[in-house]
C-alpha atoms as a PDB file:
ATOM      1  CA  MET A   1     111.803 110.489 129.365  1.00  0.00           C
ATOM      2  CA  PHE A   2     108.351 109.816 127.240  1.00  0.00           C
ATOM      3  CA  ARG A   3     109.006 112.569 124.471  1.00  0.00           C
ATOM      4  CA  SER A   4     112.036 111.368 123.546  1.00  0.00           C
ATOM      5  CA  SER A   5     110.712 107.772 123.254  1.00  0.00           C
ATOM      6  CA  VAL A   6     107.753 109.769 121.416  1.00  0.00           C
ATOM      7  CA  LEU A   7     110.231 111.113 118.854  1.00  0.00           C
ATOM      8  CA  TRP A   8     112.367 107.595 118.917  1.00  0.00           C
ATOM      9  CA  ILE A   9     109.004 106.099 117.614  1.00  0.00           C
ATOM     10  CA  LEU A  10     108.188 108.296 115.220  1.00  0.00           C
ATOM     11  CA  GLY A  11     111.492 108.621 113.826  1.00  0.00           C
ATOM     12  CA  LEU A  12     111.114 104.750 113.392  1.00  0.00           C
ATOM     13  CA  ILE A  13     107.780 105.248 111.560  1.00  0.00           C
ATOM     14  CA  GLY A  14     109.496 107.828 109.737  1.00  0.00           C
ATOM     15  CA  LEU A  15     111.927 105.408 108.642  1.00  0.00           C
ATOM     16  CA  VAL A  16     109.002 102.300 108.153  1.00  0.00           C
ATOM     17  CA  PHE A  17     107.377 104.801 105.228  1.00  0.00           C
ATOM     18  CA  VAL A  18     110.743 106.388 103.864  1.00  0.00           C
ATOM     19  CA  ILE A  19     113.372 103.168 103.094  1.00  0.00           C
ATOM     20  CA  PRO A  20     110.351 101.386 100.783  1.00  0.00           C
ATOM     21  CA  HIS A  21     109.595 104.093  99.200  1.00  0.00           C
ATOM     22  CA  SER A  22     113.362 105.249  98.551  1.00  0.00           C
ATOM     23  CA  ALA A  23     113.917 101.995  97.594  1.00  0.00           C
ATOM     24  CA  SER A  24     110.625 101.531  95.484  1.00  0.00           C
ATOM     25  CA  ALA A  25     111.431 104.849  93.574  1.00  0.00           C
ATOM     26  CA  GLN A  26     112.501 103.060  90.268  1.00  0.00           C
ATOM     27  CA  ASN A  27     110.348 104.347  87.603  1.00  0.00           C
ATOM     28  CA  GLU A  28     109.940 102.774  84.282  1.00  0.00           C
ATOM     29  CA  ALA A  29     112.491 105.389  82.567  1.00  0.00           C
ATOM     30  CA  ASP A  30     115.715 104.260  85.737  1.00  0.00           C
ATOM     31  CA  VAL A  31     114.209 100.425  84.875  1.00  0.00           C
ATOM     32  CA  ALA A  32     115.033 101.029  81.021  1.00  0.00           C
ATOM     33  CA  MET A  33     117.936 103.326  81.408  1.00  0.00           C
ATOM     34  CA  GLN A  34     119.593 100.212  84.011  1.00  0.00           C
ATOM     35  CA  PHE A  35     119.099  97.372  81.096  1.00  0.00           C
ATOM     36  CA  PHE A  36     120.909  99.810  77.904  1.00  0.00           C
ATOM     37  CA  ARG A  37     123.535 100.673  80.565  1.00  0.00           C
ATOM     38  CA  GLN A  38     124.356  96.730  81.242  1.00  0.00           C
ATOM     39  CA  GLY A  39     124.804  96.144  77.356  1.00  0.00           C
ATOM     40  CA  GLY A  40     120.670  94.960  77.175  1.00  0.00           C
ATOM     41  CA  THR A  41     118.894  95.949  73.807  1.00  0.00           C
ATOM     42  CA  TYR A  42     115.822  96.401  72.014  1.00  0.00           C
ATOM     43  CA  CYS A  43     115.574  96.811  68.156  1.00  0.00           C
ATOM     44  CA  PHE A  44     111.755  97.611  67.403  1.00  0.00           C
ATOM     45  CA  ARG A  45     109.370  99.292  64.402  1.00  0.00           C
ATOM     46  CA  LEU A  46     108.517 102.578  65.100  1.00  0.00           C
ATOM     47  CA  ALA A  47     106.134 105.370  63.479  1.00  0.00           C
ATOM     48  CA  PRO A  48     105.087 108.797  63.737  1.00  0.00           C
ATOM     49  CA  GLU A  49     102.353 108.788  65.867  1.00  0.00           C
ATOM     50  CA  GLY A  50      99.113 108.847  64.485  1.00  0.00           C
ATOM     51  CA  THR A  51     100.498 106.851  61.442  1.00  0.00           C
ATOM     52  CA  ASN A  52      98.809 103.834  60.534  1.00  0.00           C
ATOM     53  CA  LEU A  53     101.419 101.058  60.249  1.00  0.00           C
ATOM     54  CA  SER A  54      99.931  98.894  57.340  1.00  0.00           C
ATOM     55  CA  GLU A  55      99.410 102.264  55.418  1.00  0.00           C
ATOM     56  CA  GLU A  56     103.658 102.691  55.392  1.00  0.00           C
ATOM     57  CA  THR A  57     105.571 101.261  52.317  1.00  0.00           C
ATOM     58  CA  ALA A  58     108.638 101.557  54.646  1.00  0.00           C
ATOM     59  CA  TRP A  59     109.681 100.192  58.167  1.00  0.00           C
ATOM     60  CA  THR A  60     111.548 102.426  60.198  1.00  0.00           C
ATOM     61  CA  VAL A  61     113.370 100.223  62.551  1.00  0.00           C
ATOM     62  CA  MET A  62     114.989 101.594  65.758  1.00  0.00           C
ATOM     63  CA  MET A  63     117.576 100.030  67.945  1.00  0.00           C
ATOM     64  CA  LEU A  64     118.750 100.931  71.460  1.00  0.00           C
ATOM     65  CA  THR A  65     121.652  99.713  73.449  1.00  0.00           C
ATOM     66  CA  SER A  66     124.942 100.641  75.448  1.00  0.00           C
ATOM     67  CA  ALA A  67     127.766 102.065  73.768  1.00  0.00           C
ATOM     68  CA  SER A  68     129.551  99.023  74.643  1.00  0.00           C
ATOM     69  CA  ASN A  69     127.382  96.602  72.506  1.00  0.00           C
ATOM     70  CA  ARG A  70     129.124  96.467  69.512  1.00  0.00           C
ATOM     71  CA  HIS A  71     126.960  93.787  67.933  1.00  0.00           C
ATOM     72  CA  ASN A  72     125.152  95.279  65.120  1.00  0.00           C
ATOM     73  CA  GLU A  73     122.544  92.855  64.018  1.00  0.00           C
ATOM     74  CA  PHE A  74     119.397  92.139  66.018  1.00  0.00           C
ATOM     75  CA  ARG A  75     115.786  90.609  65.916  1.00  0.00           C
ATOM     76  CA  ILE A  76     113.110  92.609  65.155  1.00  0.00           C
ATOM     77  CA  ARG A  77     110.348  92.858  68.453  1.00  0.00           C
ATOM     78  CA  SER A  78     112.890  91.392  70.551  1.00  0.00           C
ATOM     79  CA  MET A  79     115.120  92.325  73.707  1.00  0.00           C
ATOM     80  CA  ASP A  80     118.618  91.233  73.653  1.00  0.00           C
ATOM     81  CA  PRO A  81     119.980  90.404  76.909  1.00  0.00           C
ATOM     82  CA  GLY A  82     123.558  91.375  76.045  1.00  0.00           C
ATOM     83  CA  SER A  83     126.006  91.039  79.065  1.00  0.00           C
ATOM     84  CA  SER A  84     123.075  92.450  81.706  1.00  0.00           C
ATOM     85  CA  GLY A  85     122.602  88.779  82.366  1.00  0.00           C
ATOM     86  CA  LEU A  86     118.862  88.930  82.218  1.00  0.00           C
ATOM     87  CA  SER A  87     116.908  85.925  80.814  1.00  0.00           C
ATOM     88  CA  GLY A  88     113.466  85.058  80.810  1.00  0.00           C
ATOM     89  CA  GLY A  89     110.458  86.267  82.524  1.00  0.00           C
ATOM     90  CA  ALA A  90     112.945  88.730  84.204  1.00  0.00           C
ATOM     91  CA  LEU A  91     113.938  89.763  80.333  1.00  0.00           C
ATOM     92  CA  LYS A  92     110.421  89.594  79.600  1.00  0.00           C
ATOM     93  CA  ASN A  93     109.335  91.986  82.569  1.00  0.00           C
ATOM     94  CA  VAL A  94     112.277  94.672  81.528  1.00  0.00           C
ATOM     95  CA  GLY A  95     110.711  94.413  77.548  1.00  0.00           C
ATOM     96  CA  LEU A  96     107.182  95.025  78.993  1.00  0.00           C
ATOM     97  CA  THR A  97     108.801  98.280  81.345  1.00  0.00           C
ATOM     98  CA  ILE A  98     110.172  99.634  78.301  1.00  0.00           C
ATOM     99  CA  THR A  99     107.239  99.374  76.507  1.00  0.00           C
ATOM    100  CA  ALA A 100     105.066 101.065  78.596  1.00  0.00           C
ATOM    101  CA  ILE A 101     107.168 104.193  78.957  1.00  0.00           C
ATOM    102  CA  TRP A 102     105.583 104.630  74.953  1.00  0.00           C
ATOM    103  CA  ARG A 103     102.713 105.051  76.733  1.00  0.00           C
ATOM    104  CA  ARG A 104     103.075 108.377  79.072  1.00  0.00           C
ATOM    105  CA  ASP A 105     103.884 111.748  77.967  1.00  0.00           C
ATOM    106  CA  GLY A 106     106.027 112.894  80.576  1.00  0.00           C
ATOM    107  CA  LEU A 107     107.928 109.732  81.124  1.00  0.00           C
ATOM    108  CA  ARG A 108     108.568 109.488  76.821  1.00  0.00           C
ATOM    109  CA  ASP A 109     109.787 112.643  78.057  1.00  0.00           C
ATOM    110  CA  GLU A 110     111.999 111.858  80.462  1.00  0.00           C
ATOM    111  CA  PHE A 111     113.289 108.768  78.891  1.00  0.00           C
ATOM    112  CA  PHE A 112     114.184 110.881  75.458  1.00  0.00           C
ATOM    113  CA  GLU A 113     115.599 113.157  77.486  1.00  0.00           C
ATOM    114  CA  ARG A 114     118.117 111.294  79.359  1.00  0.00           C
ATOM    115  CA  PHE A 115     118.679 108.666  76.730  1.00  0.00           C
ATOM    116  CA  SER A 116     119.420 111.730  74.774  1.00  0.00           C
ATOM    117  CA  MET A 117     122.206 112.901  77.064  1.00  0.00           C
ATOM    118  CA  ALA A 118     123.343 109.493  77.816  1.00  0.00           C
ATOM    119  CA  ILE A 119     124.373 108.928  73.888  1.00  0.00           C
ATOM    120  CA  ALA A 120     125.982 113.085  74.445  1.00  0.00           C
ATOM    121  CA  GLY A 121     128.226 111.081  77.205  1.00  0.00           C
ATOM    122  CA  GLY A 122     128.812 108.261  75.025  1.00  0.00           C
ATOM    123  CA  ILE A 123     127.737 106.088  77.152  1.00  0.00           C
ATOM    124  CA  LEU A 124     124.533 104.637  74.862  1.00  0.00           C
ATOM    125  CA  ARG A 125     123.628 104.814  71.206  1.00  0.00           C
ATOM    126  CA  ALA A 126     120.809 104.129  68.947  1.00  0.00           C
ATOM    127  CA  ARG A 127     120.516 103.430  65.402  1.00  0.00           C
ATOM    128  CA  VAL A 128     117.399 103.518  62.586  1.00  0.00           C
ATOM    129  CA  VAL A 129     117.410 101.834  59.126  1.00  0.00           C
ATOM    130  CA  THR A 130     114.836 101.563  56.874  1.00  0.00           C
ATOM    131  CA  VAL A 131     113.236  98.712  56.071  1.00  0.00           C
ATOM    132  CA  SER A 132     111.529  98.365  52.298  1.00  0.00           C
ATOM    133  CA  LEU A 133     111.205  95.395  50.578  1.00  0.00           C
ATOM    134  CA  PRO A 134     110.095  94.762  46.925  1.00  0.00           C
ATOM    135  CA  ARG A 135     106.994  95.630  45.727  1.00  0.00           C
ATOM    136  CA  LEU A 136     105.958  96.812  49.896  1.00  0.00           C
ATOM    137  CA  ALA A 137     104.333  99.907  48.151  1.00  0.00           C
ATOM    138  CA  GLU A 138     102.019  98.030  45.633  1.00  0.00           C
ATOM    139  CA  MET A 139     100.569  95.811  48.205  1.00  0.00           C
ATOM    140  CA  LYS A 140      97.197  96.230  49.840  1.00  0.00           C
ATOM    141  CA  GLU A 141      97.252  97.876  53.264  1.00  0.00           C
ATOM    142  CA  ARG A 142      95.874  94.221  54.494  1.00  0.00           C
ATOM    143  CA  ASP A 143      98.803  92.413  52.566  1.00  0.00           C
ATOM    144  CA  ARG A 144     101.282  94.641  54.016  1.00  0.00           C
ATOM    145  CA  ALA A 145      99.958  94.239  57.504  1.00  0.00           C
ATOM    146  CA  GLU A 146     100.570  90.754  57.221  1.00  0.00           C
ATOM    147  CA  LEU A 147     103.542  90.765  55.304  1.00  0.00           C
ATOM    148  CA  TYR A 148     104.954  92.309  58.364  1.00  0.00           C
ATOM    149  CA  LEU A 149     103.837  90.329  60.890  1.00  0.00           C
ATOM    150  CA  LYS A 150     105.536  87.478  59.717  1.00  0.00           C
ATOM    151  CA  PHE A 151     108.578  89.501  58.682  1.00  0.00           C
ATOM    152  CA  ALA A 152     108.458  90.209  62.643  1.00  0.00           C
ATOM    153  CA  ASP A 153     107.076  86.592  64.183  1.00  0.00           C
ATOM    154  CA  LYS A 154     109.905  85.044  62.165  1.00  0.00           C
ATOM    155  CA  GLY A 155     112.387  86.591  64.522  1.00  0.00           C
ATOM    156  CA  THR A 156     113.998  88.149  61.037  1.00  0.00           C
ATOM    157  CA  LYS A 157     117.392  90.338  62.188  1.00  0.00           C
ATOM    158  CA  VAL A 158     118.081  93.830  61.047  1.00  0.00           C
ATOM    159  CA  ASP A 159     121.263  94.493  60.335  1.00  0.00           C
ATOM    160  CA  PHE A 160     122.250  98.373  61.747  1.00  0.00           C
ATOM    161  CA  SER A 161     126.013  98.144  60.827  1.00  0.00           C
ATOM    162  CA  LYS A 162     125.804 100.575  57.936  1.00  0.00           C
ATOM    163  CA  VAL A 163     124.103 102.831  59.461  1.00  0.00           C
ATOM    164  CA  ALA A 164     125.452 105.574  62.129  1.00  0.00           C
ATOM    165  CA  ASP A 165     125.022 106.054  65.526  1.00  0.00           C
ATOM    166  CA  LEU A 166     122.370 109.069  66.254  1.00  0.00           C
ATOM    167  CA  THR A 167     123.482 111.628  67.938  1.00  0.00           C
ATOM    168  CA  ALA A 168     121.492 112.993  70.457  1.00  0.00           C
ATOM    169  CA  ASP A 169     119.793 115.500  68.703  1.00  0.00           C
ATOM    170  CA  GLN A 170     118.808 113.106  66.180  1.00  0.00           C
ATOM    171  CA  PHE A 171     117.543 111.130  68.378  1.00  0.00           C
ATOM    172  CA  MET A 172     115.329 113.605  70.220  1.00  0.00           C
ATOM    173  CA  GLU A 173     113.429 113.617  66.900  1.00  0.00           C
ATOM    174  CA  TYR A 174     111.898 109.822  67.258  1.00  0.00           C
ATOM    175  CA  GLN A 175     110.435 111.626  70.608  1.00  0.00           C
ATOM    176  CA  SER A 176     106.995 111.928  69.285  1.00  0.00           C
ATOM    177  CA  TYR A 177     107.032 108.062  67.064  1.00  0.00           C
ATOM    178  CA  LEU A 178     105.140 105.185  68.806  1.00  0.00           C
ATOM    179  CA  PRO A 179     106.689 101.855  68.761  1.00  0.00           C
ATOM    180  CA  ASP A 180     104.939  99.192  66.908  1.00  0.00           C
END
């Protein structure tokens, strides 16, 4: 009797530790993948690691979303909920979670692998455009940086309709890039 009671208590203790752990086992990559599968979109500027963004004479802008989301115009530096149903604080939290992925190499590697597999499977898509405004190359770095801030702060839309979706291999080429 005593032995079965002890085993029952140990089993209960095990459930107390295992159930919450498995329920909270989602990492940032899981959250991001779920958001994109549900049709959410993230549009952002990115550059190779170590690049001084104010030195760039053309801006590289990426869009990540589901294959079912056929929209091609998104505001730069924005999270678009698409059909995910997220709004307000929940959308902001997902945005913070997704941007956190780039800060941790192992997590970024995991995310890129999973996203590229989803591209290959026709579930997700990514597109990249280069934005080069007139006289951008001739501007001083400070002026270039200020122009970009105005461009981003105005919520300028970026059109991805004239570029094809990236293949899984093309997407992986951006793994060493960092978002603005």
